[in-house]
Amino acid sequence: MSSTKYIHAMYDDDDVLLEAVKKIKAEKYHIEEVYTPFPVHGLDKALGLAGTRISIAAFLYGLVGLTVAILIMNYTMITDWPQNIGGKPSFSYLDNMPAFVPIMFELTVFFAAHLMVITFYFRSKLWPFKKAENPYPSTTDDKFLIEIPYSKEDAALKKILKETKAIEILTQEKKES
């Protein structure tokens, strides 16, 4: 188990945080993590994060749901137990497809939504009973925190953080496995 030192700069306004991130990145410092109590619009671009591919996954999951819906309806209503309901013959899937559209839509949305949530949890490593990783509990309430790796010559960084109106600047050791 290794440990690394970090400088934590605490902010109490999201607009000030966003400007601070832009200034720190302009000075060529690496920001390890930013903790916020709610999503901050534009923070991903300011940090230079790559775009997400969750929309591609959602489309593929929707196709899986549509396929499952078609297969289940074809098997249950056409192959296994065909019934003449309301004068509609059940000899062909294509003849009955207009009646199956709501089911196809619902299963497409169901699969896409649920599998996206599961994918998000796995991708974010949010397992059940996982211990929270935020260094300060106030970052889940009303404070914003920038975490920057610490090195010996960080007097210039601390000066930049003070210029960006950080309300608190701390050095903390973080244990990593």
N, C-alpha and C. Protein backbone atom coordinates (compact mmCIF):
# COMPACT_ATOMS: atom_id res chain seq x y z
N MET A 1 0.85 -1.18 0.00
CA MET A 1 0.00 0.00 0.00
C MET A 1 0.89 1.24 0.00
N SER A 2 0.72 2.10 -0.97
CA SER A 2 1.53 3.32 -1.06
C SER A 2 0.69 4.52 -0.65
N SER A 3 1.39 5.59 -0.36
CA SER A 3 0.68 6.82 -0.01
C SER A 3 1.25 7.96 -0.84
N THR A 4 0.38 8.91 -1.16
CA THR A 4 0.74 10.06 -1.96
C THR A 4 0.20 11.31 -1.29
N LYS A 5 0.96 12.39 -1.36
CA LYS A 5 0.50 13.65 -0.79
C LYS A 5 -0.22 14.46 -1.85
N TYR A 6 -1.27 15.13 -1.41
CA TYR A 6 -2.07 15.98 -2.29
C TYR A 6 -2.30 17.33 -1.64
N ILE A 7 -2.44 18.33 -2.48
CA ILE A 7 -2.87 19.65 -2.03
C ILE A 7 -4.37 19.73 -2.32
N HIS A 8 -5.13 20.09 -1.31
CA HIS A 8 -6.58 20.23 -1.45
C HIS A 8 -6.93 21.70 -1.33
N ALA A 9 -7.58 22.22 -2.35
CA ALA A 9 -8.06 23.60 -2.35
C ALA A 9 -9.58 23.57 -2.27
N MET A 10 -10.11 24.19 -1.24
CA MET A 10 -11.55 24.18 -0.99
C MET A 10 -12.17 25.50 -1.47
N TYR A 11 -13.33 25.39 -2.14
CA TYR A 11 -14.06 26.55 -2.65
C TYR A 11 -15.51 26.45 -2.19
N ASP A 12 -16.18 27.61 -2.15
CA ASP A 12 -17.59 27.60 -1.74
C ASP A 12 -18.53 28.09 -2.83
N ASP A 13 -18.01 28.26 -4.07
CA ASP A 13 -18.85 28.71 -5.18
C ASP A 13 -18.44 27.96 -6.44
N ASP A 14 -19.41 27.48 -7.20
CA ASP A 14 -19.09 26.69 -8.39
C ASP A 14 -18.47 27.53 -9.50
N ASP A 15 -18.86 28.79 -9.63
CA ASP A 15 -18.27 29.65 -10.65
C ASP A 15 -16.81 29.96 -10.34
N VAL A 16 -16.52 30.18 -9.08
CA VAL A 16 -15.13 30.41 -8.65
C VAL A 16 -14.31 29.14 -8.88
N LEU A 17 -14.90 27.99 -8.58
CA LEU A 17 -14.22 26.71 -8.82
C LEU A 17 -13.88 26.54 -10.29
N LEU A 18 -14.82 26.82 -11.17
CA LEU A 18 -14.60 26.66 -12.61
C LEU A 18 -13.47 27.56 -13.11
N GLU A 19 -13.46 28.80 -12.65
CA GLU A 19 -12.37 29.72 -13.03
C GLU A 19 -11.04 29.25 -12.46
N ALA A 20 -11.05 28.70 -11.25
CA ALA A 20 -9.82 28.20 -10.64
C ALA A 20 -9.27 27.02 -11.43
N VAL A 21 -10.13 26.11 -11.84
CA VAL A 21 -9.69 24.96 -12.63
C VAL A 21 -9.07 25.44 -13.94
N LYS A 22 -9.70 26.40 -14.58
CA LYS A 22 -9.15 26.93 -15.84
C LYS A 22 -7.77 27.55 -15.63
N LYS A 23 -7.62 28.30 -14.55
CA LYS A 23 -6.34 28.96 -14.28
C LYS A 23 -5.25 27.93 -13.92
N ILE A 24 -5.61 26.93 -13.12
CA ILE A 24 -4.64 25.89 -12.73
C ILE A 24 -4.20 25.10 -13.95
N LYS A 25 -5.15 24.74 -14.82
CA LYS A 25 -4.80 24.00 -16.03
C LYS A 25 -3.96 24.87 -16.98
N ALA A 26 -4.23 26.18 -17.02
CA ALA A 26 -3.44 27.08 -17.86
C ALA A 26 -2.00 27.16 -17.38
N GLU A 27 -1.79 26.99 -16.09
CA GLU A 27 -0.44 27.00 -15.52
C GLU A 27 0.23 25.64 -15.61
N LYS A 28 -0.40 24.69 -16.29
CA LYS A 28 0.15 23.35 -16.57
C LYS A 28 0.30 22.46 -15.33
N TYR A 29 -0.59 22.63 -14.36
CA TYR A 29 -0.63 21.72 -13.21
C TYR A 29 -1.64 20.62 -13.49
N HIS A 30 -1.36 19.43 -12.98
CA HIS A 30 -2.26 18.29 -13.17
C HIS A 30 -3.27 18.26 -12.02
N ILE A 31 -4.54 18.26 -12.36
CA ILE A 31 -5.60 18.13 -11.36
C ILE A 31 -6.01 16.67 -11.31
N GLU A 32 -5.83 16.05 -10.16
CA GLU A 32 -6.14 14.63 -10.01
C GLU A 32 -7.65 14.39 -9.95
N GLU A 33 -8.36 15.20 -9.16
CA GLU A 33 -9.80 15.00 -8.97
C GLU A 33 -10.43 16.30 -8.51
N VAL A 34 -11.71 16.45 -8.83
CA VAL A 34 -12.50 17.58 -8.34
C VAL A 34 -13.75 16.99 -7.70
N TYR A 35 -14.00 17.34 -6.45
CA TYR A 35 -15.18 16.85 -5.72
C TYR A 35 -16.20 17.98 -5.64
N THR A 36 -17.43 17.70 -6.08
CA THR A 36 -18.49 18.70 -6.07
C THR A 36 -19.76 18.07 -5.51
N PRO A 37 -20.61 18.87 -4.85
CA PRO A 37 -21.86 18.32 -4.33
C PRO A 37 -22.93 18.15 -5.41
N PHE A 38 -22.73 18.75 -6.58
CA PHE A 38 -23.67 18.62 -7.70
C PHE A 38 -22.87 18.81 -8.99
N PRO A 39 -23.42 18.38 -10.12
CA PRO A 39 -22.70 18.55 -11.39
C PRO A 39 -22.48 20.03 -11.72
N VAL A 40 -21.28 20.36 -12.14
CA VAL A 40 -20.94 21.73 -12.51
C VAL A 40 -20.80 21.79 -14.03
N HIS A 41 -21.66 22.57 -14.66
CA HIS A 41 -21.67 22.67 -16.12
C HIS A 41 -20.35 23.27 -16.61
N GLY A 42 -19.71 22.57 -17.55
CA GLY A 42 -18.46 23.05 -18.13
C GLY A 42 -17.21 22.56 -17.44
N LEU A 43 -17.36 21.87 -16.31
CA LEU A 43 -16.19 21.39 -15.58
C LEU A 43 -15.45 20.30 -16.35
N ASP A 44 -16.18 19.45 -17.05
CA ASP A 44 -15.53 18.38 -17.81
C ASP A 44 -14.66 18.96 -18.92
N LYS A 45 -15.11 20.00 -19.58
CA LYS A 45 -14.31 20.64 -20.63
C LYS A 45 -13.12 21.37 -20.03
N ALA A 46 -13.32 22.02 -18.90
CA ALA A 46 -12.22 22.74 -18.25
C ALA A 46 -11.12 21.77 -17.79
N LEU A 47 -11.52 20.58 -17.37
CA LEU A 47 -10.55 19.57 -16.93
C LEU A 47 -9.92 18.84 -18.12
N GLY A 48 -10.52 18.98 -19.30
CA GLY A 48 -9.99 18.30 -20.48
C GLY A 48 -10.34 16.83 -20.53
N LEU A 49 -11.48 16.46 -19.95
CA LEU A 49 -11.90 15.07 -19.95
C LEU A 49 -12.46 14.67 -21.30
N ALA A 50 -12.25 13.42 -21.67
CA ALA A 50 -12.78 12.91 -22.93
C ALA A 50 -14.29 12.73 -22.81
N GLY A 51 -14.96 12.78 -23.96
CA GLY A 51 -16.41 12.59 -23.98
C GLY A 51 -16.78 11.16 -23.62
N THR A 52 -17.99 11.00 -23.15
CA THR A 52 -18.47 9.67 -22.75
C THR A 52 -19.09 8.95 -23.95
N ARG A 53 -19.08 7.63 -23.88
CA ARG A 53 -19.69 6.81 -24.93
C ARG A 53 -20.94 6.10 -24.41
N ILE A 54 -21.57 6.66 -23.40
CA ILE A 54 -22.75 6.02 -22.82
C ILE A 54 -23.92 6.04 -23.81
N SER A 55 -23.96 7.01 -24.72
CA SER A 55 -25.05 7.05 -25.69
C SER A 55 -24.96 5.88 -26.68
N ILE A 56 -23.74 5.49 -27.03
CA ILE A 56 -23.57 4.32 -27.90
C ILE A 56 -24.02 3.07 -27.16
N ALA A 57 -23.64 2.97 -25.89
CA ALA A 57 -24.07 1.83 -25.08
C ALA A 57 -25.59 1.82 -24.95
N ALA A 58 -26.20 2.98 -24.77
CA ALA A 58 -27.67 3.05 -24.65
C ALA A 58 -28.34 2.55 -25.92
N PHE A 59 -27.81 2.94 -27.07
CA PHE A 59 -28.37 2.48 -28.34
C PHE A 59 -28.26 0.96 -28.46
N LEU A 60 -27.10 0.41 -28.13
CA LEU A 60 -26.92 -1.04 -28.20
C LEU A 60 -27.82 -1.76 -27.21
N TYR A 61 -27.97 -1.22 -26.01
CA TYR A 61 -28.86 -1.83 -25.02
C TYR A 61 -30.31 -1.76 -25.48
N GLY A 62 -30.69 -0.66 -26.13
CA GLY A 62 -32.04 -0.56 -26.69
C GLY A 62 -32.28 -1.61 -27.77
N LEU A 63 -31.27 -1.86 -28.60
CA LEU A 63 -31.39 -2.92 -29.61
C LEU A 63 -31.55 -4.30 -28.96
N VAL A 64 -30.84 -4.52 -27.87
CA VAL A 64 -31.00 -5.79 -27.14
C VAL A 64 -32.43 -5.91 -26.63
N GLY A 65 -32.97 -4.82 -26.06
CA GLY A 65 -34.35 -4.83 -25.56
C GLY A 65 -35.36 -5.07 -26.66
N LEU A 66 -35.15 -4.43 -27.81
CA LEU A 66 -36.04 -4.63 -28.95
C LEU A 66 -36.00 -6.07 -29.43
N THR A 67 -34.80 -6.63 -29.50
CA THR A 67 -34.65 -8.03 -29.93
C THR A 67 -35.34 -8.98 -28.96
N VAL A 68 -35.14 -8.76 -27.68
CA VAL A 68 -35.79 -9.60 -26.66
C VAL A 68 -37.31 -9.49 -26.79
N ALA A 69 -37.82 -8.27 -26.98
CA ALA A 69 -39.28 -8.08 -27.11
C ALA A 69 -39.82 -8.84 -28.32
N ILE A 70 -39.15 -8.72 -29.45
CA ILE A 70 -39.61 -9.41 -30.67
C ILE A 70 -39.59 -10.92 -30.47
N LEU A 71 -38.50 -11.43 -29.91
CA LEU A 71 -38.40 -12.88 -29.71
C LEU A 71 -39.45 -13.41 -28.74
N ILE A 72 -39.67 -12.69 -27.64
CA ILE A 72 -40.66 -13.14 -26.65
C ILE A 72 -42.07 -13.10 -27.24
N MET A 73 -42.41 -12.01 -27.92
CA MET A 73 -43.76 -11.89 -28.48
C MET A 73 -43.99 -12.91 -29.59
N ASN A 74 -42.99 -13.12 -30.42
CA ASN A 74 -43.13 -14.11 -31.49
C ASN A 74 -43.33 -15.51 -30.90
N TYR A 75 -42.56 -15.83 -29.89
CA TYR A 75 -42.69 -17.16 -29.30
C TYR A 75 -44.02 -17.33 -28.56
N THR A 76 -44.35 -16.37 -27.68
CA THR A 76 -45.55 -16.55 -26.86
C THR A 76 -46.86 -16.38 -27.64
N MET A 77 -46.94 -15.42 -28.55
CA MET A 77 -48.21 -15.11 -29.20
C MET A 77 -48.39 -15.80 -30.55
N ILE A 78 -47.32 -16.22 -31.21
CA ILE A 78 -47.42 -16.82 -32.54
C ILE A 78 -47.09 -18.31 -32.50
N THR A 79 -45.97 -18.67 -31.89
CA THR A 79 -45.50 -20.05 -31.94
C THR A 79 -46.12 -20.93 -30.86
N ASP A 80 -45.99 -20.52 -29.61
CA ASP A 80 -46.38 -21.38 -28.49
C ASP A 80 -47.89 -21.46 -28.28
N TRP A 81 -48.57 -20.37 -28.24
CA TRP A 81 -49.99 -20.37 -27.90
C TRP A 81 -50.74 -19.34 -28.75
N PRO A 82 -50.93 -19.56 -30.04
CA PRO A 82 -51.64 -18.58 -30.88
C PRO A 82 -53.12 -18.53 -30.50
N GLN A 83 -53.62 -17.32 -30.40
CA GLN A 83 -55.02 -17.12 -30.04
C GLN A 83 -55.65 -16.11 -30.99
N ASN A 84 -56.95 -16.28 -31.21
CA ASN A 84 -57.69 -15.32 -32.02
C ASN A 84 -58.35 -14.35 -31.05
N ILE A 85 -57.69 -13.20 -30.86
CA ILE A 85 -58.17 -12.20 -29.90
C ILE A 85 -58.78 -11.06 -30.69
N GLY A 86 -60.05 -10.81 -30.49
CA GLY A 86 -60.74 -9.70 -31.14
C GLY A 86 -60.78 -9.85 -32.65
N GLY A 87 -60.76 -11.05 -33.15
CA GLY A 87 -60.85 -11.28 -34.58
C GLY A 87 -59.54 -11.12 -35.31
N LYS A 88 -58.43 -10.91 -34.56
CA LYS A 88 -57.12 -10.77 -35.20
C LYS A 88 -56.48 -12.16 -35.30
N PRO A 89 -56.18 -12.62 -36.48
CA PRO A 89 -55.54 -13.92 -36.60
C PRO A 89 -54.09 -13.86 -36.11
N SER A 90 -53.63 -14.90 -35.45
CA SER A 90 -52.29 -14.94 -34.89
C SER A 90 -51.40 -15.89 -35.66
N PHE A 91 -51.52 -15.90 -36.97
CA PHE A 91 -50.73 -16.84 -37.76
C PHE A 91 -49.39 -16.24 -38.18
N SER A 92 -49.26 -14.92 -38.12
CA SER A 92 -48.06 -14.25 -38.60
C SER A 92 -47.69 -13.11 -37.66
N TYR A 93 -46.40 -12.99 -37.38
CA TYR A 93 -45.92 -11.89 -36.54
C TYR A 93 -46.16 -10.56 -37.23
N LEU A 94 -45.89 -10.48 -38.51
CA LEU A 94 -46.04 -9.21 -39.25
C LEU A 94 -47.48 -8.72 -39.27
N ASP A 95 -48.47 -9.63 -39.32
CA ASP A 95 -49.86 -9.21 -39.30
C ASP A 95 -50.24 -8.57 -37.97
N ASN A 96 -49.61 -9.03 -36.90
CA ASN A 96 -49.95 -8.56 -35.55
C ASN A 96 -48.98 -7.50 -35.01
N MET A 97 -47.98 -7.14 -35.78
CA MET A 97 -46.96 -6.22 -35.27
C MET A 97 -47.52 -4.88 -34.77
N PRO A 98 -48.51 -4.26 -35.40
CA PRO A 98 -49.03 -3.00 -34.85
C PRO A 98 -49.51 -3.14 -33.40
N ALA A 99 -50.05 -4.28 -33.04
CA ALA A 99 -50.50 -4.49 -31.66
C ALA A 99 -49.31 -4.68 -30.71
N PHE A 100 -48.14 -5.05 -31.26
CA PHE A 100 -46.97 -5.33 -30.43
C PHE A 100 -46.06 -4.11 -30.24
N VAL A 101 -46.32 -3.03 -30.94
CA VAL A 101 -45.45 -1.84 -30.88
C VAL A 101 -45.29 -1.31 -29.45
N PRO A 102 -46.35 -1.17 -28.65
CA PRO A 102 -46.15 -0.66 -27.29
C PRO A 102 -45.22 -1.56 -26.46
N ILE A 103 -45.34 -2.87 -26.63
CA ILE A 103 -44.48 -3.78 -25.88
C ILE A 103 -43.04 -3.64 -26.35
N MET A 104 -42.83 -3.52 -27.64
CA MET A 104 -41.47 -3.35 -28.17
C MET A 104 -40.86 -2.05 -27.64
N PHE A 105 -41.64 -0.98 -27.64
CA PHE A 105 -41.15 0.30 -27.14
C PHE A 105 -40.78 0.22 -25.66
N GLU A 106 -41.67 -0.35 -24.86
CA GLU A 106 -41.43 -0.42 -23.42
C GLU A 106 -40.20 -1.26 -23.08
N LEU A 107 -40.04 -2.40 -23.74
CA LEU A 107 -38.86 -3.23 -23.44
C LEU A 107 -37.57 -2.60 -23.95
N THR A 108 -37.65 -1.85 -25.04
CA THR A 108 -36.46 -1.12 -25.51
C THR A 108 -36.02 -0.10 -24.48
N VAL A 109 -36.95 0.69 -23.98
CA VAL A 109 -36.63 1.70 -22.97
C VAL A 109 -36.18 1.03 -21.66
N PHE A 110 -36.86 -0.04 -21.26
CA PHE A 110 -36.52 -0.74 -20.02
C PHE A 110 -35.08 -1.26 -20.05
N PHE A 111 -34.73 -1.96 -21.11
CA PHE A 111 -33.38 -2.51 -21.22
C PHE A 111 -32.33 -1.40 -21.29
N ALA A 112 -32.59 -0.38 -22.10
CA ALA A 112 -31.62 0.72 -22.24
C ALA A 112 -31.38 1.41 -20.90
N ALA A 113 -32.44 1.73 -20.19
CA ALA A 113 -32.30 2.45 -18.93
C ALA A 113 -31.60 1.62 -17.86
N HIS A 114 -32.05 0.41 -17.67
CA HIS A 114 -31.48 -0.42 -16.61
C HIS A 114 -30.04 -0.84 -16.90
N LEU A 115 -29.76 -1.19 -18.13
CA LEU A 115 -28.38 -1.58 -18.45
C LEU A 115 -27.43 -0.39 -18.45
N MET A 116 -27.93 0.81 -18.77
CA MET A 116 -27.08 2.00 -18.65
C MET A 116 -26.73 2.27 -17.20
N VAL A 117 -27.67 2.13 -16.30
CA VAL A 117 -27.39 2.35 -14.87
C VAL A 117 -26.36 1.33 -14.38
N ILE A 118 -26.54 0.08 -14.75
CA ILE A 118 -25.59 -0.96 -14.34
C ILE A 118 -24.21 -0.67 -14.93
N THR A 119 -24.15 -0.26 -16.19
CA THR A 119 -22.87 0.09 -16.82
C THR A 119 -22.23 1.27 -16.11
N PHE A 120 -23.02 2.28 -15.77
CA PHE A 120 -22.48 3.44 -15.05
C PHE A 120 -21.88 3.02 -13.72
N TYR A 121 -22.57 2.18 -12.97
CA TYR A 121 -22.06 1.74 -11.67
C TYR A 121 -20.77 0.93 -11.81
N PHE A 122 -20.70 0.05 -12.79
CA PHE A 122 -19.48 -0.72 -13.00
C PHE A 122 -18.34 0.18 -13.46
N ARG A 123 -18.63 1.09 -14.38
CA ARG A 123 -17.59 1.98 -14.92
C ARG A 123 -17.08 2.92 -13.84
N SER A 124 -17.95 3.35 -12.95
CA SER A 124 -17.56 4.27 -11.87
C SER A 124 -17.04 3.54 -10.65
N LYS A 125 -17.08 2.23 -10.68
CA LYS A 125 -16.66 1.39 -9.55
C LYS A 125 -17.47 1.71 -8.30
N LEU A 126 -18.76 1.86 -8.47
CA LEU A 126 -19.66 2.11 -7.34
C LEU A 126 -20.32 0.80 -6.95
N TRP A 127 -19.62 0.02 -6.19
CA TRP A 127 -20.12 -1.28 -5.75
C TRP A 127 -21.01 -1.11 -4.54
N PRO A 128 -21.88 -2.08 -4.29
CA PRO A 128 -22.67 -2.01 -3.05
C PRO A 128 -21.75 -2.00 -1.83
N PHE A 129 -22.08 -1.20 -0.86
CA PHE A 129 -21.36 -1.07 0.40
C PHE A 129 -19.96 -0.50 0.22
N LYS A 130 -19.70 0.20 -0.86
CA LYS A 130 -18.40 0.81 -1.10
C LYS A 130 -18.25 2.03 -0.20
N LYS A 131 -17.08 2.16 0.38
CA LYS A 131 -16.79 3.29 1.25
C LYS A 131 -16.61 4.55 0.40
N ALA A 132 -17.13 5.65 0.86
CA ALA A 132 -17.02 6.92 0.14
C ALA A 132 -15.56 7.34 0.04
N GLU A 133 -15.19 7.94 -1.10
CA GLU A 133 -13.81 8.33 -1.32
C GLU A 133 -13.56 9.82 -1.16
N ASN A 134 -14.60 10.59 -0.92
CA ASN A 134 -14.38 12.02 -0.81
C ASN A 134 -13.61 12.33 0.47
N PRO A 135 -12.58 13.18 0.39
CA PRO A 135 -11.73 13.43 1.56
C PRO A 135 -12.39 14.26 2.66
N TYR A 136 -13.38 15.07 2.30
CA TYR A 136 -14.07 15.90 3.29
C TYR A 136 -15.58 15.74 3.13
N PRO A 137 -16.29 15.46 4.21
CA PRO A 137 -17.75 15.30 4.10
C PRO A 137 -18.47 16.53 3.58
N SER A 138 -17.90 17.71 3.75
CA SER A 138 -18.57 18.93 3.30
C SER A 138 -18.65 19.02 1.77
N THR A 139 -17.88 18.18 1.06
CA THR A 139 -17.97 18.19 -0.41
C THR A 139 -19.26 17.53 -0.91
N THR A 140 -20.01 16.91 -0.04
CA THR A 140 -21.31 16.38 -0.43
C THR A 140 -22.44 17.33 -0.04
N ASP A 141 -22.09 18.43 0.62
CA ASP A 141 -23.09 19.38 1.08
C ASP A 141 -23.03 20.69 0.30
N ASP A 142 -21.98 21.49 0.52
CA ASP A 142 -21.94 22.81 -0.10
C ASP A 142 -20.55 23.30 -0.47
N LYS A 143 -19.52 22.47 -0.38
CA LYS A 143 -18.15 22.87 -0.70
C LYS A 143 -17.64 22.13 -1.93
N PHE A 144 -16.64 22.72 -2.57
CA PHE A 144 -16.02 22.17 -3.77
C PHE A 144 -14.54 22.00 -3.49
N LEU A 145 -13.95 20.92 -3.97
CA LEU A 145 -12.56 20.61 -3.64
C LEU A 145 -11.79 20.23 -4.90
N ILE A 146 -10.61 20.82 -5.05
CA ILE A 146 -9.69 20.44 -6.13
C ILE A 146 -8.54 19.69 -5.49
N GLU A 147 -8.23 18.51 -6.04
CA GLU A 147 -7.14 17.68 -5.52
C GLU A 147 -6.00 17.68 -6.53
N ILE A 148 -4.81 18.16 -6.10
CA ILE A 148 -3.65 18.27 -6.97
C ILE A 148 -2.48 17.52 -6.33
N PRO A 149 -1.78 16.67 -7.09
CA PRO A 149 -0.62 15.96 -6.52
C PRO A 149 0.42 16.96 -5.99
N TYR A 150 1.01 16.61 -4.85
CA TYR A 150 1.95 17.48 -4.15
C TYR A 150 3.37 17.19 -4.58
N SER A 151 4.16 18.26 -4.77
CA SER A 151 5.61 18.11 -4.96
C SER A 151 6.29 19.18 -4.12
N LYS A 152 7.57 19.06 -3.96
CA LYS A 152 8.31 19.95 -3.04
C LYS A 152 8.21 21.42 -3.41
N GLU A 153 8.26 21.75 -4.70
CA GLU A 153 8.29 23.15 -5.12
C GLU A 153 6.92 23.67 -5.48
N ASP A 154 5.99 23.59 -4.55
CA ASP A 154 4.62 24.01 -4.83
C ASP A 154 4.23 25.33 -4.19
N ALA A 155 5.20 26.17 -3.91
CA ALA A 155 4.88 27.50 -3.39
C ALA A 155 4.13 28.31 -4.45
N ALA A 156 4.54 28.14 -5.72
CA ALA A 156 3.86 28.85 -6.80
C ALA A 156 2.42 28.38 -6.94
N LEU A 157 2.21 27.08 -6.78
CA LEU A 157 0.84 26.55 -6.86
C LEU A 157 -0.02 27.11 -5.74
N LYS A 158 0.52 27.14 -4.54
CA LYS A 158 -0.26 27.68 -3.40
C LYS A 158 -0.60 29.16 -3.63
N LYS A 159 0.31 29.89 -4.26
CA LYS A 159 0.05 31.29 -4.57
C LYS A 159 -1.10 31.40 -5.58
N ILE A 160 -1.08 30.53 -6.60
CA ILE A 160 -2.15 30.53 -7.60
C ILE A 160 -3.48 30.19 -6.94
N LEU A 161 -3.48 29.20 -6.04
CA LEU A 161 -4.72 28.81 -5.36
C LEU A 161 -5.27 29.95 -4.52
N LYS A 162 -4.38 30.71 -3.86
CA LYS A 162 -4.84 31.87 -3.08
C LYS A 162 -5.43 32.94 -3.99
N GLU A 163 -4.82 33.11 -5.18
CA GLU A 163 -5.33 34.10 -6.13
C GLU A 163 -6.72 33.70 -6.67
N THR A 164 -6.99 32.41 -6.72
CA THR A 164 -8.28 31.94 -7.23
C THR A 164 -9.36 31.90 -6.16
N LYS A 165 -9.09 32.51 -5.02
CA LYS A 165 -10.06 32.66 -3.92
C LYS A 165 -10.42 31.34 -3.25
N ALA A 166 -9.43 30.46 -3.07
CA ALA A 166 -9.66 29.24 -2.31
C ALA A 166 -9.89 29.62 -0.85
N ILE A 167 -10.92 29.07 -0.23
CA ILE A 167 -11.22 29.43 1.15
C ILE A 167 -10.33 28.66 2.13
N GLU A 168 -9.77 27.53 1.65
CA GLU A 168 -8.90 26.73 2.50
C GLU A 168 -7.96 25.92 1.61
N ILE A 169 -6.68 25.88 1.99
CA ILE A 169 -5.68 25.10 1.25
C ILE A 169 -5.02 24.16 2.25
N LEU A 170 -5.14 22.86 2.00
CA LEU A 170 -4.63 21.85 2.92
C LEU A 170 -3.73 20.86 2.17
N THR A 171 -2.80 20.26 2.91
CA THR A 171 -1.99 19.17 2.36
C THR A 171 -2.39 17.91 3.11
N GLN A 172 -2.71 16.88 2.35
CA GLN A 172 -3.17 15.64 2.97
C GLN A 172 -2.52 14.43 2.29
N GLU A 173 -2.27 13.42 3.09
CA GLU A 173 -1.72 12.18 2.57
C GLU A 173 -2.87 11.21 2.30
N LYS A 174 -2.83 10.61 1.11
CA LYS A 174 -3.90 9.70 0.71
C LYS A 174 -3.30 8.32 0.50
N LYS A 175 -3.88 7.33 1.14
CA LYS A 175 -3.39 5.97 1.00
C LYS A 175 -4.05 5.30 -0.19
N GLU A 176 -3.23 4.70 -1.03
CA GLU A 176 -3.74 4.02 -2.23
C GLU A 176 -3.32 2.57 -2.19
N SER A 177 -4.20 1.71 -2.63
CA SER A 177 -3.87 0.28 -2.63
C SER A 177 -3.40 -0.19 -3.99
